[in-house]
Amino acid sequence: MKELSQKEFPVQAMFELEALDSVGSSQSETDGYLFKLDSVEPLNEEEFKEKEQEIRKGLTEELTQLHFSALISFLHRSAKIKINEDIIRLGR
């Protein structure tokens, strides 16, 4: 999947296909793609369990970052800056 994404293939659109032999297409400004779902492999439970914690950790970190960014944005919007003239005068 990484390789296809790096080559700018429409991976998201490809994963939206659900039924065997279904066909999808995608078009960008410079390229167009037509693809067909030939087969579906069964879920490898062991491999999934091995990667599940890693995926959960990454998603948790991403969610934490989004919450932190939202907090910073909120604080920035609601900030009231007060200039202390006394301190400015002391520095002169």
C-alpha atoms as a PDB file:
ATOM      1  CA  MET A   1       0.000   0.000   0.000  1.00  0.00           C
ATOM      2  CA  LYS A   2       2.839   2.416   0.840  1.00  0.00           C
ATOM      3  CA  GLU A   3       4.451   1.769  -2.512  1.00  0.00           C
ATOM      4  CA  LEU A   4       1.228   2.576  -4.358  1.00  0.00           C
ATOM      5  CA  SER A   5       0.704   5.759  -2.327  1.00  0.00           C
ATOM      6  CA  GLN A   6       4.260   6.892  -3.003  1.00  0.00           C
ATOM      7  CA  LYS A   7       3.645   6.425  -6.727  1.00  0.00           C
ATOM      8  CA  GLU A   8       0.500   8.573  -6.300  1.00  0.00           C
ATOM      9  CA  PHE A   9      -1.986   5.825  -7.152  1.00  0.00           C
ATOM     10  CA  PRO A  10      -5.550   6.458  -5.854  1.00  0.00           C
ATOM     11  CA  VAL A  11      -5.221   3.996  -2.965  1.00  0.00           C
ATOM     12  CA  GLN A  12      -8.182   5.414  -1.026  1.00  0.00           C
ATOM     13  CA  ALA A  13     -10.499   4.941  -4.008  1.00  0.00           C
ATOM     14  CA  MET A  14      -9.141   1.423  -4.507  1.00  0.00           C
ATOM     15  CA  PHE A  15      -9.979   0.464  -0.912  1.00  0.00           C
ATOM     16  CA  GLU A  16     -13.552   1.673  -1.349  1.00  0.00           C
ATOM     17  CA  LEU A  17     -14.301  -1.258  -3.665  1.00  0.00           C
ATOM     18  CA  GLU A  18     -16.199  -3.945  -1.741  1.00  0.00           C
ATOM     19  CA  ALA A  19     -17.561  -6.576  -4.149  1.00  0.00           C
ATOM     20  CA  LEU A  20     -15.456  -8.901  -6.278  1.00  0.00           C
ATOM     21  CA  ASP A  21     -15.202  -7.829  -9.917  1.00  0.00           C
ATOM     22  CA  SER A  22     -16.312  -4.285  -9.055  1.00  0.00           C
ATOM     23  CA  VAL A  23     -14.647  -1.536 -11.045  1.00  0.00           C
ATOM     24  CA  GLY A  24     -13.542   1.899  -9.905  1.00  0.00           C
ATOM     25  CA  SER A  25     -11.949   4.924 -11.460  1.00  0.00           C
ATOM     26  CA  SER A  26     -10.092   8.016 -10.393  1.00  0.00           C
ATOM     27  CA  GLN A  27      -8.927  11.049 -12.288  1.00  0.00           C
ATOM     28  CA  SER A  28      -6.519  13.821 -11.371  1.00  0.00           C
ATOM     29  CA  GLU A  29      -5.396  16.806 -13.388  1.00  0.00           C
ATOM     30  CA  THR A  30      -2.659  14.789 -15.080  1.00  0.00           C
ATOM     31  CA  ASP A  31      -3.581  11.106 -14.688  1.00  0.00           C
ATOM     32  CA  GLY A  32      -6.573   8.795 -14.844  1.00  0.00           C
ATOM     33  CA  TYR A  33      -6.953   5.307 -13.398  1.00  0.00           C
ATOM     34  CA  LEU A  34      -9.353   2.433 -13.914  1.00  0.00           C
ATOM     35  CA  PHE A  35      -9.099  -0.497 -11.493  1.00  0.00           C
ATOM     36  CA  LYS A  36     -10.901  -3.762 -10.711  1.00  0.00           C
ATOM     37  CA  LEU A  37     -11.125  -5.823  -7.521  1.00  0.00           C
ATOM     38  CA  ASP A  38      -9.947  -9.303  -8.561  1.00  0.00           C
ATOM     39  CA  SER A  39      -9.672 -11.035  -5.201  1.00  0.00           C
ATOM     40  CA  VAL A  40      -9.866 -10.535  -1.451  1.00  0.00           C
ATOM     41  CA  GLU A  41      -7.449 -12.149   0.977  1.00  0.00           C
ATOM     42  CA  PRO A  42      -8.762 -13.304   4.348  1.00  0.00           C
ATOM     43  CA  LEU A  43      -7.693 -11.302   7.389  1.00  0.00           C
ATOM     44  CA  ASN A  44      -4.495 -12.605   8.955  1.00  0.00           C
ATOM     45  CA  GLU A  45      -5.487 -12.509  12.652  1.00  0.00           C
ATOM     46  CA  GLU A  46      -1.925 -12.954  13.947  1.00  0.00           C
ATOM     47  CA  GLU A  47      -0.540 -10.155  11.804  1.00  0.00           C
ATOM     48  CA  PHE A  48      -3.447  -7.919  12.802  1.00  0.00           C
ATOM     49  CA  LYS A  49      -2.866  -8.527  16.523  1.00  0.00           C
ATOM     50  CA  GLU A  50       0.851  -7.794  16.102  1.00  0.00           C
ATOM     51  CA  LYS A  51       0.175  -4.435  14.457  1.00  0.00           C
ATOM     52  CA  GLU A  52      -2.954  -3.459  16.422  1.00  0.00           C
ATOM     53  CA  GLN A  53      -1.102  -1.888  19.368  1.00  0.00           C
ATOM     54  CA  GLU A  54       1.200   0.039  17.040  1.00  0.00           C
ATOM     55  CA  ILE A  55      -1.781   1.376  15.097  1.00  0.00           C
ATOM     56  CA  ARG A  56      -3.666   2.269  18.304  1.00  0.00           C
ATOM     57  CA  LYS A  57      -0.610   4.094  19.641  1.00  0.00           C
ATOM     58  CA  GLY A  58      -0.247   6.082  16.422  1.00  0.00           C
ATOM     59  CA  LEU A  59      -3.934   7.001  16.378  1.00  0.00           C
ATOM     60  CA  THR A  60      -3.822   8.019  20.041  1.00  0.00           C
ATOM     61  CA  GLU A  61      -0.793  10.234  19.410  1.00  0.00           C
ATOM     62  CA  GLU A  62      -2.519  11.805  16.403  1.00  0.00           C
ATOM     63  CA  LEU A  63      -5.687  12.476  18.409  1.00  0.00           C
ATOM     64  CA  THR A  64      -3.647  13.983  21.252  1.00  0.00           C
ATOM     65  CA  GLN A  65      -1.901  16.274  18.760  1.00  0.00           C
ATOM     66  CA  LEU A  66      -5.264  17.359  17.306  1.00  0.00           C
ATOM     67  CA  HIS A  67      -6.609  18.143  20.788  1.00  0.00           C
ATOM     68  CA  PHE A  68      -3.453  20.079  21.628  1.00  0.00           C
ATOM     69  CA  SER A  69      -3.710  22.086  18.386  1.00  0.00           C
ATOM     70  CA  ALA A  70      -7.377  22.837  19.105  1.00  0.00           C
ATOM     71  CA  LEU A  71      -6.482  24.035  22.608  1.00  0.00           C
ATOM     72  CA  ILE A  72      -3.706  26.287  21.276  1.00  0.00           C
ATOM     73  CA  SER A  73      -6.109  27.731  18.672  1.00  0.00           C
ATOM     74  CA  PHE A  74      -8.756  28.356  21.334  1.00  0.00           C
ATOM     75  CA  LEU A  75      -6.257  30.049  23.634  1.00  0.00           C
ATOM     76  CA  HIS A  76      -4.962  32.173  20.769  1.00  0.00           C
ATOM     77  CA  ARG A  77      -8.486  33.291  19.787  1.00  0.00           C
ATOM     78  CA  SER A  78      -9.530  34.098  23.345  1.00  0.00           C
ATOM     79  CA  ALA A  79      -6.274  35.681  24.529  1.00  0.00           C
ATOM     80  CA  LYS A  80      -6.405  39.192  25.909  1.00  0.00           C
ATOM     81  CA  ILE A  81      -3.026  40.835  25.742  1.00  0.00           C
ATOM     82  CA  LYS A  82      -2.420  43.614  28.232  1.00  0.00           C
ATOM     83  CA  ILE A  83       0.641  45.799  27.830  1.00  0.00           C
ATOM     84  CA  ASN A  84       2.315  46.699  31.116  1.00  0.00           C
ATOM     85  CA  GLU A  85       3.593  50.223  30.477  1.00  0.00           C
ATOM     86  CA  ASP A  86       5.422  50.326  33.823  1.00  0.00           C
ATOM     87  CA  ILE A  87       7.768  47.513  32.835  1.00  0.00           C
ATOM     88  CA  ILE A  88       8.365  49.119  29.444  1.00  0.00           C
ATOM     89  CA  ARG A  89       9.323  52.415  31.132  1.00  0.00           C
ATOM     90  CA  LEU A  90      11.726  50.646  33.488  1.00  0.00           C
ATOM     91  CA  GLY A  91      13.639  49.266  30.547  1.00  0.00           C
ATOM     92  CA  ARG A  92      14.348  52.722  29.094  1.00  0.00           C
END
